[in-house]
Structure formats: structure tokens, C-alpha cells
Amino acid sequence: MPAGIKTKLDPIHQAFLEDAIALFEGTRYGHMSPWLYGREGAPWWEAYAENSTAAAEETLLLKRLVKSKPGAITQATEVIEAGPGAPKAVREETSRIVRAAPHAKLYIPIDLSDTFHASTADEFGKNFQDVTVYPRKANFFKRVPIRRLLKNPLLVCMGLTISNLPCNVEEESPHDVLVKALKNLKATAQHKGHLLVSVDAHNDGKDVVANYDSVIVKNFYLSLITRMIHELGLKGARESDFDYRPVWDKKHDLLSHELVIKRPLHIRLGHRSFRLKEGHRLRVNNSFKWPNGFFQEAMEDAGIPPDIKLQTQRRRVTLYLAPNEP
């Protein structure tokens, strides 16, 4: 392996390696979201988020919610956030939630991105010095144990992040996979509290594809290959060997983010090798655009029926606030 790459990986890089192998061998689809926000990809995502209409609409909904002063926020004693996001999201959303929760003295960000953990540490170091930050480097789509005594936690999953649910729609039920993911989120808090989650319901396929079909998003997805080279010792491929293609799946309300191979490749990764033909598609990430009824039904089936639901005027982004009783 290249200099600086350990022959024995730590648990997180081992998980990255296993997910990368599954991507190239085609045994998993749309599951690479946790690995896209490394030092190579995070700057591209920040550039995209700066001008995202959906992100702006979500922030407006959050302002409305906070202004109404729901007890779920004002009485929260801890804030747990699944996927804190880029610096702008931390400044405009995380900070707004924490300011509205005067009793919250513990903030727990859950993410695999060191870049995003650095964003939260910087923001809290400047503006919330009385709040203890307890970062958890983990994949929040799975059950994450919080080894802290909690009293009244508010679990937050903003940034439309739940829409990146790993799911092979050809073999799995998106409803069942979503219910399982929501149950994992529910169990993360390990205590009675509340869940705040945002959902992207904009499923006009032509419009959705246009939103992602840009040089910035292309570079964001191509950066995954460079990260594999740097951290996993990937050989036989580089960014220029791939093209990015957003593909709309109307049947499943899914925008599939795919990398398409531009020339025959012989890839070596770990102890595995793969021969991939020109035109082969790697289904890197999912962006589901579920209708509101679909998501609300999944919340109810997961035992988290929402008691507050806010929507933008065009009904493209929805914010749900629900009691959470693990």
C-alpha cells in the first residue's frame, strides 16, 4: 500500500474499505454518503450548500419553529445532532436550535466527517463556551450508543440528511429500510425526548436532476475516488476515469448519484481486484424525494408519530417534530 497507508486499518477505515469494495463489486447501492464529506469532498459540498434552495427553505422553516417556542426545544437539556453538516449549516441551524434551548448544556454531534466535527468545535468554541461538546465519530444511519446520562434530549436530523438513506430499491423496500433507520435514530437518544427531522419532498424529476447536474456536484462525487486513493490505497483509477450522472427513478422517488466509468479499468483495493468495463455505473449515493404522506407513515410505523409538521409554501421541504420514547 502507499506510504502512510497502514496495512491494518482502524475500525472506521476498515468500514470505509468494506463499503468501497461493496461499491465496486455491486453488492450494495447508494451507501457511500458517510464517506463523501472528507477533506476532499467537504469543500465542494459547502460550495453547493451555499446556494441550495432546499437548504434556504429548511432554514426558514426552522426559524418559524423556533419562534413558536415549542417545549421540545426550550426544555431540552441535551442536543444530539445526526450529521451537523457544513459550517453554514452549523451557523444558521445548529446554533439557532442551541440558542433556543437555554437548558441544553451538552451537544453531541454524530458524523464520520472530521471536517464537520471541526466546524462544530469551532462554532461552539466561539459562541457556546458553556456547552460541553461530546463528538461521536460514527455512522448515524446505524444505532449509535451515547455513553452519557441524558435527561430530556432533542435529537436533530436536519439538512435533509435522512433522504440519503442507503437502500437497494431493486431488492429492498424503501419503507422498511426507512422505518429501520428511524428506529435506529429513536434508539440513539436512549431516553424520552423529541426528534426533529427535515425531509425533501420535491419530486419533479426534471427539476431534481437539474438541481444536481453541475460542475460543483460532479467534483463533489469524483472526490470520493481521490479519498479512496489517499486513505485506502486504491490503485488503477483516478478521478478523470469517471464521469458523474444524476439519474431519476420515478418509481421510487429517487435521485441516484452515479459514477460512470469512462474507460476499462483494473482496480486494486485492499486484497481485491476488479475489472470494470467502460460505461459501468457505480451507484454511489441516494437522494430520496419521498412524498410527505410516505415519510409520515414511516415515522408512525417507527413509533415516532409527529405532533408538529411545518411545510414551505411550495411543499418541497417538510419539518417534523415528534415525541421520542425509546
C-alpha atoms as a PDB file:
ATOM      1  CA  MET A   1       0.000   0.000   0.000  1.00  0.00           C
ATOM      2  CA  PRO A   2       1.177   3.617  -0.498  1.00  0.00           C
ATOM      3  CA  ALA A   3       3.335   5.347   2.090  1.00  0.00           C
ATOM      4  CA  GLY A   4       1.252   6.461   5.034  1.00  0.00           C
ATOM      5  CA  ILE A   5      -1.428   3.783   4.470  1.00  0.00           C
ATOM      6  CA  LYS A   6      -1.460   1.280   7.310  1.00  0.00           C
ATOM      7  CA  THR A   7      -1.686  -2.416   6.429  1.00  0.00           C
ATOM      8  CA  LYS A   8      -4.032  -2.826   9.387  1.00  0.00           C
ATOM      9  CA  LEU A   9      -6.784  -0.236   9.323  1.00  0.00           C
ATOM     10  CA  ASP A  10      -8.566   1.296  12.286  1.00  0.00           C
ATOM     11  CA  PRO A  11     -12.269   0.326  12.613  1.00  0.00           C
ATOM     12  CA  ILE A  12     -13.542   3.400  10.753  1.00  0.00           C
ATOM     13  CA  HIS A  13     -11.206   2.971   7.778  1.00  0.00           C
ATOM     14  CA  GLN A  14     -11.985  -0.747   7.769  1.00  0.00           C
ATOM     15  CA  ALA A  15     -15.675   0.130   7.433  1.00  0.00           C
ATOM     16  CA  PHE A  16     -14.776   2.577   4.631  1.00  0.00           C
ATOM     17  CA  LEU A  17     -12.806  -0.160   2.851  1.00  0.00           C
ATOM     18  CA  GLU A  18     -15.665  -2.656   3.146  1.00  0.00           C
ATOM     19  CA  ASP A  19     -18.164  -0.132   1.780  1.00  0.00           C
ATOM     20  CA  ALA A  20     -15.822   0.766  -1.104  1.00  0.00           C
ATOM     21  CA  ILE A  21     -15.364  -2.902  -2.017  1.00  0.00           C
ATOM     22  CA  ALA A  22     -19.139  -3.388  -1.943  1.00  0.00           C
ATOM     23  CA  LEU A  23     -19.492  -0.413  -4.301  1.00  0.00           C
ATOM     24  CA  PHE A  24     -17.073  -1.841  -6.880  1.00  0.00           C
ATOM     25  CA  GLU A  25     -18.389  -5.402  -6.673  1.00  0.00           C
ATOM     26  CA  GLY A  26     -22.007  -4.183  -6.890  1.00  0.00           C
ATOM     27  CA  THR A  27     -23.308  -5.818  -3.726  1.00  0.00           C
ATOM     28  CA  ARG A  28     -24.550  -2.556  -2.178  1.00  0.00           C
ATOM     29  CA  TYR A  29     -26.056   0.572  -3.711  1.00  0.00           C
ATOM     30  CA  GLY A  30     -26.389   4.187  -2.598  1.00  0.00           C
ATOM     31  CA  HIS A  31     -24.489   3.562   0.635  1.00  0.00           C
ATOM     32  CA  MET A  32     -21.429   5.830   0.351  1.00  0.00           C
ATOM     33  CA  SER A  33     -22.926   9.029   1.787  1.00  0.00           C
ATOM     34  CA  PRO A  34     -20.995   8.803   5.105  1.00  0.00           C
ATOM     35  CA  TRP A  35     -17.678   8.813   3.203  1.00  0.00           C
ATOM     36  CA  LEU A  36     -18.324  11.739   0.865  1.00  0.00           C
ATOM     37  CA  TYR A  37     -17.510  14.527   3.306  1.00  0.00           C
ATOM     38  CA  GLY A  38     -13.789  14.052   3.891  1.00  0.00           C
ATOM     39  CA  ARG A  39     -11.267  16.822   3.370  1.00  0.00           C
ATOM     40  CA  GLU A  40     -11.539  16.242  -0.392  1.00  0.00           C
ATOM     41  CA  GLY A  41     -15.332  16.396  -0.636  1.00  0.00           C
ATOM     42  CA  ALA A  42     -16.438  18.739   2.159  1.00  0.00           C
ATOM     43  CA  PRO A  43     -15.337  21.981   0.410  1.00  0.00           C
ATOM     44  CA  TRP A  44     -17.318  21.053  -2.695  1.00  0.00           C
ATOM     45  CA  TRP A  45     -20.402  20.302  -0.601  1.00  0.00           C
ATOM     46  CA  GLU A  46     -20.045  23.610   1.213  1.00  0.00           C
ATOM     47  CA  ALA A  47     -19.940  25.382  -2.166  1.00  0.00           C
ATOM     48  CA  TYR A  48     -23.120  23.590  -3.270  1.00  0.00           C
ATOM     49  CA  ALA A  49     -24.944  24.253   0.010  1.00  0.00           C
ATOM     50  CA  GLU A  50     -24.203  27.989  -0.170  1.00  0.00           C
ATOM     51  CA  ASN A  51     -26.753  28.383  -2.979  1.00  0.00           C
ATOM     52  CA  SER A  52     -29.098  25.486  -2.248  1.00  0.00           C
ATOM     53  CA  THR A  53     -32.775  26.445  -2.479  1.00  0.00           C
ATOM     54  CA  ALA A  54     -33.763  23.473  -0.332  1.00  0.00           C
ATOM     55  CA  ALA A  55     -31.310  24.490   2.402  1.00  0.00           C
ATOM     56  CA  ALA A  56     -32.695  28.036   2.389  1.00  0.00           C
ATOM     57  CA  GLU A  57     -36.271  26.742   2.663  1.00  0.00           C
ATOM     58  CA  GLU A  58     -35.290  24.450   5.525  1.00  0.00           C
ATOM     59  CA  THR A  59     -33.722  27.355   7.423  1.00  0.00           C
ATOM     60  CA  LEU A  60     -36.926  29.392   7.015  1.00  0.00           C
ATOM     61  CA  LEU A  61     -38.969  26.523   8.468  1.00  0.00           C
ATOM     62  CA  LEU A  62     -36.588  26.228  11.399  1.00  0.00           C
ATOM     63  CA  LYS A  63     -36.934  29.951  12.107  1.00  0.00           C
ATOM     64  CA  ARG A  64     -40.731  29.527  12.197  1.00  0.00           C
ATOM     65  CA  LEU A  65     -40.451  26.573  14.540  1.00  0.00           C
ATOM     66  CA  VAL A  66     -38.031  28.249  16.945  1.00  0.00           C
ATOM     67  CA  LYS A  67     -40.154  31.409  17.004  1.00  0.00           C
ATOM     68  CA  SER A  68     -43.126  29.361  18.248  1.00  0.00           C
ATOM     69  CA  LYS A  69     -41.002  28.237  21.245  1.00  0.00           C
ATOM     70  CA  PRO A  70     -42.086  24.590  21.456  1.00  0.00           C
ATOM     71  CA  GLY A  71     -41.296  22.920  24.755  1.00  0.00           C
ATOM     72  CA  ALA A  72     -39.453  20.178  22.874  1.00  0.00           C
ATOM     73  CA  ILE A  73     -36.729  22.745  22.196  1.00  0.00           C
ATOM     74  CA  THR A  74     -36.993  25.218  25.073  1.00  0.00           C
ATOM     75  CA  GLN A  75     -36.953  22.451  27.701  1.00  0.00           C
ATOM     76  CA  ALA A  76     -34.293  20.257  26.076  1.00  0.00           C
ATOM     77  CA  THR A  77     -31.304  19.531  28.303  1.00  0.00           C
ATOM     78  CA  GLU A  78     -29.182  17.950  25.558  1.00  0.00           C
ATOM     79  CA  VAL A  79     -28.997  18.350  21.779  1.00  0.00           C
ATOM     80  CA  ILE A  80     -27.896  15.326  19.750  1.00  0.00           C
ATOM     81  CA  GLU A  81     -27.339  16.010  16.059  1.00  0.00           C
ATOM     82  CA  ALA A  82     -27.103  13.326  13.382  1.00  0.00           C
ATOM     83  CA  GLY A  83     -25.000  14.966  10.683  1.00  0.00           C
ATOM     84  CA  PRO A  84     -24.142  18.542  11.761  1.00  0.00           C
ATOM     85  CA  GLY A  85     -23.121  19.498   8.226  1.00  0.00           C
ATOM     86  CA  ALA A  86     -21.066  22.280   6.681  1.00  0.00           C
ATOM     87  CA  PRO A  87     -20.095  25.476   8.568  1.00  0.00           C
ATOM     88  CA  LYS A  88     -23.060  27.404   7.142  1.00  0.00           C
ATOM     89  CA  ALA A  89     -25.499  24.777   8.447  1.00  0.00           C
ATOM     90  CA  VAL A  90     -23.858  24.854  11.870  1.00  0.00           C
ATOM     91  CA  ARG A  91     -24.056  28.666  11.994  1.00  0.00           C
ATOM     92  CA  GLU A  92     -27.607  29.017  10.699  1.00  0.00           C
ATOM     93  CA  GLU A  93     -29.336  25.920  12.059  1.00  0.00           C
ATOM     94  CA  THR A  94     -27.439  24.165  14.840  1.00  0.00           C
ATOM     95  CA  SER A  95     -26.661  27.474  16.565  1.00  0.00           C
ATOM     96  CA  ARG A  96     -30.282  28.585  16.259  1.00  0.00           C
ATOM     97  CA  ILE A  97     -31.504  25.402  17.930  1.00  0.00           C
ATOM     98  CA  VAL A  98     -28.978  25.578  20.771  1.00  0.00           C
ATOM     99  CA  ARG A  99     -29.740  29.255  21.454  1.00  0.00           C
ATOM    100  CA  ALA A 100     -33.428  28.366  21.713  1.00  0.00           C
ATOM    101  CA  ALA A 101     -32.617  25.638  24.256  1.00  0.00           C
ATOM    102  CA  PRO A 102     -31.261  27.557  27.282  1.00  0.00           C
ATOM    103  CA  HIS A 103     -31.166  24.435  29.459  1.00  0.00           C
ATOM    104  CA  ALA A 104     -29.060  22.456  26.978  1.00  0.00           C
ATOM    105  CA  LYS A 105     -25.512  22.204  28.300  1.00  0.00           C
ATOM    106  CA  LEU A 106     -24.463  19.172  26.270  1.00  0.00           C
ATOM    107  CA  TYR A 107     -24.190  18.954  22.472  1.00  0.00           C
ATOM    108  CA  ILE A 108     -23.446  15.620  20.793  1.00  0.00           C
ATOM    109  CA  PRO A 109     -22.666  15.737  17.046  1.00  0.00           C
ATOM    110  CA  ILE A 110     -22.650  12.350  15.285  1.00  0.00           C
ATOM    111  CA  ASP A 111     -20.802  12.108  11.971  1.00  0.00           C
ATOM    112  CA  LEU A 112     -17.925  10.343  10.254  1.00  0.00           C
ATOM    113  CA  SER A 113     -16.578  13.602   8.819  1.00  0.00           C
ATOM    114  CA  ASP A 114     -13.620  15.108  10.674  1.00  0.00           C
ATOM    115  CA  THR A 115     -14.234  18.294   8.681  1.00  0.00           C
ATOM    116  CA  PHE A 116     -17.765  18.679  10.005  1.00  0.00           C
ATOM    117  CA  HIS A 117     -16.691  17.865  13.558  1.00  0.00           C
ATOM    118  CA  ALA A 118     -14.125  20.659  13.234  1.00  0.00           C
ATOM    119  CA  SER A 119     -16.916  23.037  12.138  1.00  0.00           C
ATOM    120  CA  THR A 120     -18.979  22.326  15.237  1.00  0.00           C
ATOM    121  CA  ALA A 121     -15.954  22.567  17.532  1.00  0.00           C
ATOM    122  CA  ASP A 122     -15.096  25.974  16.057  1.00  0.00           C
ATOM    123  CA  GLU A 123     -18.661  27.312  16.345  1.00  0.00           C
ATOM    124  CA  PHE A 124     -19.151  26.122  19.918  1.00  0.00           C
ATOM    125  CA  GLY A 125     -15.698  27.289  20.948  1.00  0.00           C
ATOM    126  CA  LYS A 126     -16.594  30.809  19.813  1.00  0.00           C
ATOM    127  CA  ASN A 127     -20.251  31.129  20.796  1.00  0.00           C
ATOM    128  CA  PHE A 128     -21.263  28.397  23.259  1.00  0.00           C
ATOM    129  CA  GLN A 129     -18.430  28.067  25.721  1.00  0.00           C
ATOM    130  CA  ASP A 130     -20.827  26.954  28.468  1.00  0.00           C
ATOM    131  CA  VAL A 131     -21.982  23.978  26.373  1.00  0.00           C
ATOM    132  CA  THR A 132     -19.957  20.762  26.521  1.00  0.00           C
ATOM    133  CA  VAL A 133     -19.336  19.188  23.111  1.00  0.00           C
ATOM    134  CA  TYR A 134     -19.126  15.386  23.075  1.00  0.00           C
ATOM    135  CA  PRO A 135     -18.396  14.370  19.446  1.00  0.00           C
ATOM    136  CA  ARG A 136     -19.186  10.859  18.265  1.00  0.00           C
ATOM    137  CA  LYS A 137     -17.457   9.680  15.099  1.00  0.00           C
ATOM    138  CA  ALA A 138     -19.967   7.171  13.783  1.00  0.00           C
ATOM    139  CA  ASN A 139     -22.433   6.340  11.010  1.00  0.00           C
ATOM    140  CA  PHE A 140     -25.746   7.702  12.283  1.00  0.00           C
ATOM    141  CA  PHE A 141     -27.779   5.510   9.919  1.00  0.00           C
ATOM    142  CA  LYS A 142     -26.818   2.722  12.302  1.00  0.00           C
ATOM    143  CA  ARG A 143     -27.562   2.531  16.014  1.00  0.00           C
ATOM    144  CA  VAL A 144     -25.085   4.727  17.888  1.00  0.00           C
ATOM    145  CA  PRO A 145     -24.766   4.285  21.667  1.00  0.00           C
ATOM    146  CA  ILE A 146     -24.470   7.544  23.612  1.00  0.00           C
ATOM    147  CA  ARG A 147     -22.465   6.863  26.745  1.00  0.00           C
ATOM    148  CA  ARG A 148     -23.801   9.829  28.668  1.00  0.00           C
ATOM    149  CA  LEU A 149     -26.619  10.218  31.180  1.00  0.00           C
ATOM    150  CA  LEU A 150     -29.380  12.117  29.382  1.00  0.00           C
ATOM    151  CA  LYS A 151     -32.450  13.837  30.851  1.00  0.00           C
ATOM    152  CA  ASN A 152     -34.510  15.421  28.070  1.00  0.00           C
ATOM    153  CA  PRO A 153     -32.654  15.097  24.763  1.00  0.00           C
ATOM    154  CA  LEU A 154     -33.605  16.737  21.475  1.00  0.00           C
ATOM    155  CA  LEU A 155     -32.397  14.548  18.614  1.00  0.00           C
ATOM    156  CA  VAL A 156     -31.873  16.558  15.426  1.00  0.00           C
ATOM    157  CA  CYS A 157     -31.508  15.267  11.855  1.00  0.00           C
ATOM    158  CA  MET A 158     -31.563  18.312   9.587  1.00  0.00           C
ATOM    159  CA  GLY A 159     -30.013  19.080   6.201  1.00  0.00           C
ATOM    160  CA  LEU A 160     -32.498  16.688   4.541  1.00  0.00           C
ATOM    161  CA  THR A 161     -29.932  14.065   5.557  1.00  0.00           C
ATOM    162  CA  ILE A 162     -32.433  11.258   6.102  1.00  0.00           C
ATOM    163  CA  SER A 163     -33.057  11.395   2.328  1.00  0.00           C
ATOM    164  CA  ASN A 164     -29.583   9.887   1.753  1.00  0.00           C
ATOM    165  CA  LEU A 165     -30.795   6.588   3.170  1.00  0.00           C
ATOM    166  CA  PRO A 166     -28.715   3.629   1.913  1.00  0.00           C
ATOM    167  CA  CYS A 167     -31.133   1.294   0.138  1.00  0.00           C
ATOM    168  CA  ASN A 168     -31.081  -1.044  -2.861  1.00  0.00           C
ATOM    169  CA  VAL A 169     -34.557  -0.308  -4.200  1.00  0.00           C
ATOM    170  CA  GLU A 170     -34.425  -3.324  -6.525  1.00  0.00           C
ATOM    171  CA  GLU A 171     -34.215  -5.737  -3.604  1.00  0.00           C
ATOM    172  CA  GLU A 172     -35.324  -3.812  -0.504  1.00  0.00           C
ATOM    173  CA  SER A 173     -38.461  -1.936   0.495  1.00  0.00           C
ATOM    174  CA  PRO A 174     -37.606   1.776   0.948  1.00  0.00           C
ATOM    175  CA  HIS A 175     -40.409   1.980   3.514  1.00  0.00           C
ATOM    176  CA  ASP A 176     -38.974  -0.857   5.601  1.00  0.00           C
ATOM    177  CA  VAL A 177     -35.398   0.453   5.363  1.00  0.00           C
ATOM    178  CA  LEU A 178     -36.581   3.943   6.341  1.00  0.00           C
ATOM    179  CA  VAL A 179     -38.534   2.605   9.325  1.00  0.00           C
ATOM    180  CA  LYS A 180     -35.425   0.735  10.494  1.00  0.00           C
ATOM    181  CA  ALA A 181     -33.282   3.888  10.131  1.00  0.00           C
ATOM    182  CA  LEU A 182     -35.828   5.928  12.091  1.00  0.00           C
ATOM    183  CA  LYS A 183     -35.881   3.284  14.821  1.00  0.00           C
ATOM    184  CA  ASN A 184     -32.081   3.491  14.998  1.00  0.00           C
ATOM    185  CA  LEU A 185     -32.314   7.273  15.396  1.00  0.00           C
ATOM    186  CA  LYS A 186     -35.009   6.826  18.005  1.00  0.00           C
ATOM    187  CA  ALA A 187     -32.822   4.415  19.982  1.00  0.00           C
ATOM    188  CA  THR A 188     -29.784   6.708  19.823  1.00  0.00           C
ATOM    189  CA  ALA A 189     -31.251   9.103  22.401  1.00  0.00           C
ATOM    190  CA  GLN A 190     -31.859   6.225  24.860  1.00  0.00           C
ATOM    191  CA  HIS A 191     -34.216   8.474  26.798  1.00  0.00           C
ATOM    192  CA  LYS A 192     -37.606  10.115  26.447  1.00  0.00           C
ATOM    193  CA  GLY A 193     -37.281  13.337  24.470  1.00  0.00           C
ATOM    194  CA  HIS A 194     -38.046  14.612  20.959  1.00  0.00           C
ATOM    195  CA  LEU A 195     -36.932  14.115  17.363  1.00  0.00           C
ATOM    196  CA  LEU A 196     -36.625  16.973  14.856  1.00  0.00           C
ATOM    197  CA  VAL A 197     -36.151  15.866  11.240  1.00  0.00           C
ATOM    198  CA  SER A 198     -36.323  17.546   7.833  1.00  0.00           C
ATOM    199  CA  VAL A 199     -37.394  15.871   4.597  1.00  0.00           C
ATOM    200  CA  ASP A 200     -37.040  16.736   0.916  1.00  0.00           C
ATOM    201  CA  ALA A 201     -40.369  16.111  -0.835  1.00  0.00           C
ATOM    202  CA  HIS A 202     -39.578  17.851  -4.139  1.00  0.00           C
ATOM    203  CA  ASN A 203     -40.041  15.019  -6.641  1.00  0.00           C
ATOM    204  CA  ASP A 204     -40.290  16.759 -10.004  1.00  0.00           C
ATOM    205  CA  GLY A 205     -37.722  14.557 -11.736  1.00  0.00           C
ATOM    206  CA  LYS A 206     -36.612  17.042 -14.395  1.00  0.00           C
ATOM    207  CA  ASP A 207     -36.157  19.788 -11.814  1.00  0.00           C
ATOM    208  CA  VAL A 208     -34.381  17.491  -9.358  1.00  0.00           C
ATOM    209  CA  VAL A 209     -31.847  16.329 -11.962  1.00  0.00           C
ATOM    210  CA  ALA A 210     -31.172  19.949 -12.943  1.00  0.00           C
ATOM    211  CA  ASN A 211     -30.509  20.838  -9.286  1.00  0.00           C
ATOM    212  CA  TYR A 212     -27.642  18.336  -9.112  1.00  0.00           C
ATOM    213  CA  ASP A 213     -26.302  18.391 -12.672  1.00  0.00           C
ATOM    214  CA  SER A 214     -23.464  20.853 -12.069  1.00  0.00           C
ATOM    215  CA  VAL A 215     -19.673  21.008 -12.031  1.00  0.00           C
ATOM    216  CA  ILE A 216     -19.684  21.505  -8.251  1.00  0.00           C
ATOM    217  CA  VAL A 217     -21.726  18.368  -7.578  1.00  0.00           C
ATOM    218  CA  LYS A 218     -19.679  16.425 -10.128  1.00  0.00           C
ATOM    219  CA  ASN A 219     -16.445  17.368  -8.361  1.00  0.00           C
ATOM    220  CA  PHE A 220     -18.020  16.505  -5.014  1.00  0.00           C
ATOM    221  CA  TYR A 221     -18.713  12.933  -6.121  1.00  0.00           C
ATOM    222  CA  LEU A 222     -15.449  12.493  -8.017  1.00  0.00           C
ATOM    223  CA  SER A 223     -13.562  13.486  -4.866  1.00  0.00           C
ATOM    224  CA  LEU A 224     -14.590  10.141  -3.352  1.00  0.00           C
ATOM    225  CA  ILE A 225     -12.128   8.415  -5.698  1.00  0.00           C
ATOM    226  CA  THR A 226      -9.281  10.647  -4.526  1.00  0.00           C
ATOM    227  CA  ARG A 227     -10.181   9.952  -0.908  1.00  0.00           C
ATOM    228  CA  MET A 228     -10.015   6.217  -1.624  1.00  0.00           C
ATOM    229  CA  ILE A 229      -6.550   6.720  -3.115  1.00  0.00           C
ATOM    230  CA  HIS A 230      -5.333   8.748  -0.119  1.00  0.00           C
ATOM    231  CA  GLU A 231      -6.885   6.715   2.695  1.00  0.00           C
ATOM    232  CA  LEU A 232      -7.418   3.200   1.320  1.00  0.00           C
ATOM    233  CA  GLY A 233      -4.573   2.883  -1.199  1.00  0.00           C
ATOM    234  CA  LEU A 234      -6.857   2.481  -4.238  1.00  0.00           C
ATOM    235  CA  LYS A 235      -4.796   1.696  -7.361  1.00  0.00           C
ATOM    236  CA  GLY A 236      -5.661   1.648 -11.046  1.00  0.00           C
ATOM    237  CA  ALA A 237      -8.071   4.588 -11.117  1.00  0.00           C
ATOM    238  CA  ARG A 238      -8.230   8.344 -10.707  1.00  0.00           C
ATOM    239  CA  GLU A 239     -10.958  10.978 -10.842  1.00  0.00           C
ATOM    240  CA  SER A 240     -10.550  11.553 -14.596  1.00  0.00           C
ATOM    241  CA  ASP A 241     -11.541   7.922 -15.260  1.00  0.00           C
ATOM    242  CA  PHE A 242     -15.097   8.632 -14.118  1.00  0.00           C
ATOM    243  CA  ASP A 243     -17.992  10.871 -15.020  1.00  0.00           C
ATOM    244  CA  TYR A 244     -20.874  11.882 -12.752  1.00  0.00           C
ATOM    245  CA  ARG A 245     -24.501  11.297 -13.697  1.00  0.00           C
ATOM    246  CA  PRO A 246     -27.663  12.089 -11.671  1.00  0.00           C
ATOM    247  CA  VAL A 247     -30.345   9.542 -12.619  1.00  0.00           C
ATOM    248  CA  TRP A 248     -34.025   9.954 -11.719  1.00  0.00           C
ATOM    249  CA  ASP A 249     -36.016   6.863 -10.703  1.00  0.00           C
ATOM    250  CA  LYS A 250     -39.651   7.953 -10.826  1.00  0.00           C
ATOM    251  CA  LYS A 251     -40.995   4.662  -9.462  1.00  0.00           C
ATOM    252  CA  HIS A 252     -39.115   5.069  -6.175  1.00  0.00           C
ATOM    253  CA  ASP A 253     -38.973   8.901  -5.952  1.00  0.00           C
ATOM    254  CA  LEU A 254     -35.195   8.523  -6.024  1.00  0.00           C
ATOM    255  CA  LEU A 255     -32.347  10.552  -7.483  1.00  0.00           C
ATOM    256  CA  SER A 256     -29.434   8.122  -7.837  1.00  0.00           C
ATOM    257  CA  HIS A 257     -25.978   9.727  -7.825  1.00  0.00           C
ATOM    258  CA  GLU A 258     -23.821   7.581 -10.098  1.00  0.00           C
ATOM    259  CA  LEU A 259     -20.216   7.489 -11.264  1.00  0.00           C
ATOM    260  CA  VAL A 260     -19.859   6.164 -14.813  1.00  0.00           C
ATOM    261  CA  ILE A 261     -16.584   4.572 -15.915  1.00  0.00           C
ATOM    262  CA  LYS A 262     -15.075   6.241 -18.996  1.00  0.00           C
ATOM    263  CA  ARG A 263     -12.541   3.524 -19.955  1.00  0.00           C
ATOM    264  CA  PRO A 264     -11.858  -0.103 -18.985  1.00  0.00           C
ATOM    265  CA  LEU A 265     -10.278  -0.224 -15.529  1.00  0.00           C
ATOM    266  CA  HIS A 266      -8.361  -2.769 -13.485  1.00  0.00           C
ATOM    267  CA  ILE A 267      -8.825  -1.550  -9.915  1.00  0.00           C
ATOM    268  CA  ARG A 268      -6.980  -2.885  -6.890  1.00  0.00           C
ATOM    269  CA  LEU A 269      -8.297  -2.176  -3.428  1.00  0.00           C
ATOM    270  CA  GLY A 270      -7.139  -3.927  -0.278  1.00  0.00           C
ATOM    271  CA  HIS A 271      -6.692  -7.577  -1.239  1.00  0.00           C
ATOM    272  CA  ARG A 272      -9.304  -7.368  -4.001  1.00  0.00           C
ATOM    273  CA  SER A 273      -9.126  -6.524  -7.693  1.00  0.00           C
ATOM    274  CA  PHE A 274     -11.913  -5.513 -10.064  1.00  0.00           C
ATOM    275  CA  ARG A 275     -12.061  -5.317 -13.849  1.00  0.00           C
ATOM    276  CA  LEU A 276     -14.717  -2.792 -14.798  1.00  0.00           C
ATOM    277  CA  LYS A 277     -15.935  -2.069 -18.317  1.00  0.00           C
ATOM    278  CA  GLU A 278     -16.458   1.299 -19.944  1.00  0.00           C
ATOM    279  CA  GLY A 279     -19.973   2.520 -19.148  1.00  0.00           C
ATOM    280  CA  HIS A 280     -20.235   0.558 -15.890  1.00  0.00           C
ATOM    281  CA  ARG A 281     -22.283   2.502 -13.327  1.00  0.00           C
ATOM    282  CA  LEU A 282     -21.405   2.808  -9.658  1.00  0.00           C
ATOM    283  CA  ARG A 283     -24.457   3.806  -7.615  1.00  0.00           C
ATOM    284  CA  VAL A 284     -22.719   5.945  -5.022  1.00  0.00           C
ATOM    285  CA  ASN A 285     -25.452   7.756  -3.108  1.00  0.00           C
ATOM    286  CA  ASN A 286     -29.227   8.076  -2.843  1.00  0.00           C
ATOM    287  CA  SER A 287     -31.297  11.242  -2.639  1.00  0.00           C
ATOM    288  CA  PHE A 288     -34.868  10.139  -1.969  1.00  0.00           C
ATOM    289  CA  LYS A 289     -37.626  12.689  -2.608  1.00  0.00           C
ATOM    290  CA  TRP A 290     -40.441  10.998  -0.713  1.00  0.00           C
ATOM    291  CA  PRO A 291     -43.989  12.366  -0.790  1.00  0.00           C
ATOM    292  CA  ASN A 292     -44.958  13.732   2.623  1.00  0.00           C
ATOM    293  CA  GLY A 293     -47.514  11.023   3.268  1.00  0.00           C
ATOM    294  CA  PHE A 294     -44.884   8.335   2.694  1.00  0.00           C
ATOM    295  CA  PHE A 295     -42.473   9.757   5.256  1.00  0.00           C
ATOM    296  CA  GLN A 296     -45.115  10.480   7.881  1.00  0.00           C
ATOM    297  CA  GLU A 297     -46.415   6.916   7.598  1.00  0.00           C
ATOM    298  CA  ALA A 298     -42.868   5.619   8.123  1.00  0.00           C
ATOM    299  CA  MET A 299     -42.496   7.794  11.233  1.00  0.00           C
ATOM    300  CA  GLU A 300     -45.732   6.400  12.625  1.00  0.00           C
ATOM    301  CA  ASP A 301     -44.665   2.824  11.850  1.00  0.00           C
ATOM    302  CA  ALA A 302     -41.370   3.504  13.654  1.00  0.00           C
ATOM    303  CA  GLY A 303     -43.294   4.617  16.745  1.00  0.00           C
ATOM    304  CA  ILE A 304     -42.499   8.327  16.296  1.00  0.00           C
ATOM    305  CA  PRO A 305     -45.777   9.986  15.221  1.00  0.00           C
ATOM    306  CA  PRO A 306     -45.132  13.724  14.672  1.00  0.00           C
ATOM    307  CA  ASP A 307     -47.149  16.296  16.591  1.00  0.00           C
ATOM    308  CA  ILE A 308     -45.795  19.292  14.649  1.00  0.00           C
ATOM    309  CA  LYS A 309     -45.455  19.441  10.869  1.00  0.00           C
ATOM    310  CA  LEU A 310     -44.271  22.532   9.005  1.00  0.00           C
ATOM    311  CA  GLN A 311     -44.054  22.901   5.239  1.00  0.00           C
ATOM    312  CA  THR A 312     -42.815  25.531   2.852  1.00  0.00           C
ATOM    313  CA  GLN A 313     -45.400  27.184   0.629  1.00  0.00           C
ATOM    314  CA  ARG A 314     -44.413  25.004  -2.312  1.00  0.00           C
ATOM    315  CA  ARG A 315     -44.449  21.893  -0.056  1.00  0.00           C
ATOM    316  CA  ARG A 316     -40.910  20.986  -1.148  1.00  0.00           C
ATOM    317  CA  VAL A 317     -39.366  20.795   2.322  1.00  0.00           C
ATOM    318  CA  THR A 318     -41.089  19.491   5.453  1.00  0.00           C
ATOM    319  CA  LEU A 319     -40.035  19.727   9.087  1.00  0.00           C
ATOM    320  CA  TYR A 320     -41.346  17.178  11.594  1.00  0.00           C
ATOM    321  CA  LEU A 321     -41.149  17.383  15.382  1.00  0.00           C
ATOM    322  CA  ALA A 322     -42.152  14.249  17.247  1.00  0.00           C
ATOM    323  CA  PRO A 323     -42.105  12.881  20.809  1.00  0.00           C
ATOM    324  CA  ASN A 324     -39.430  10.220  21.121  1.00  0.00           C
ATOM    325  CA  GLU A 325     -39.871   7.400  23.604  1.00  0.00           C
ATOM    326  CA  PRO A 326     -37.242   4.664  23.073  1.00  0.00           C
END
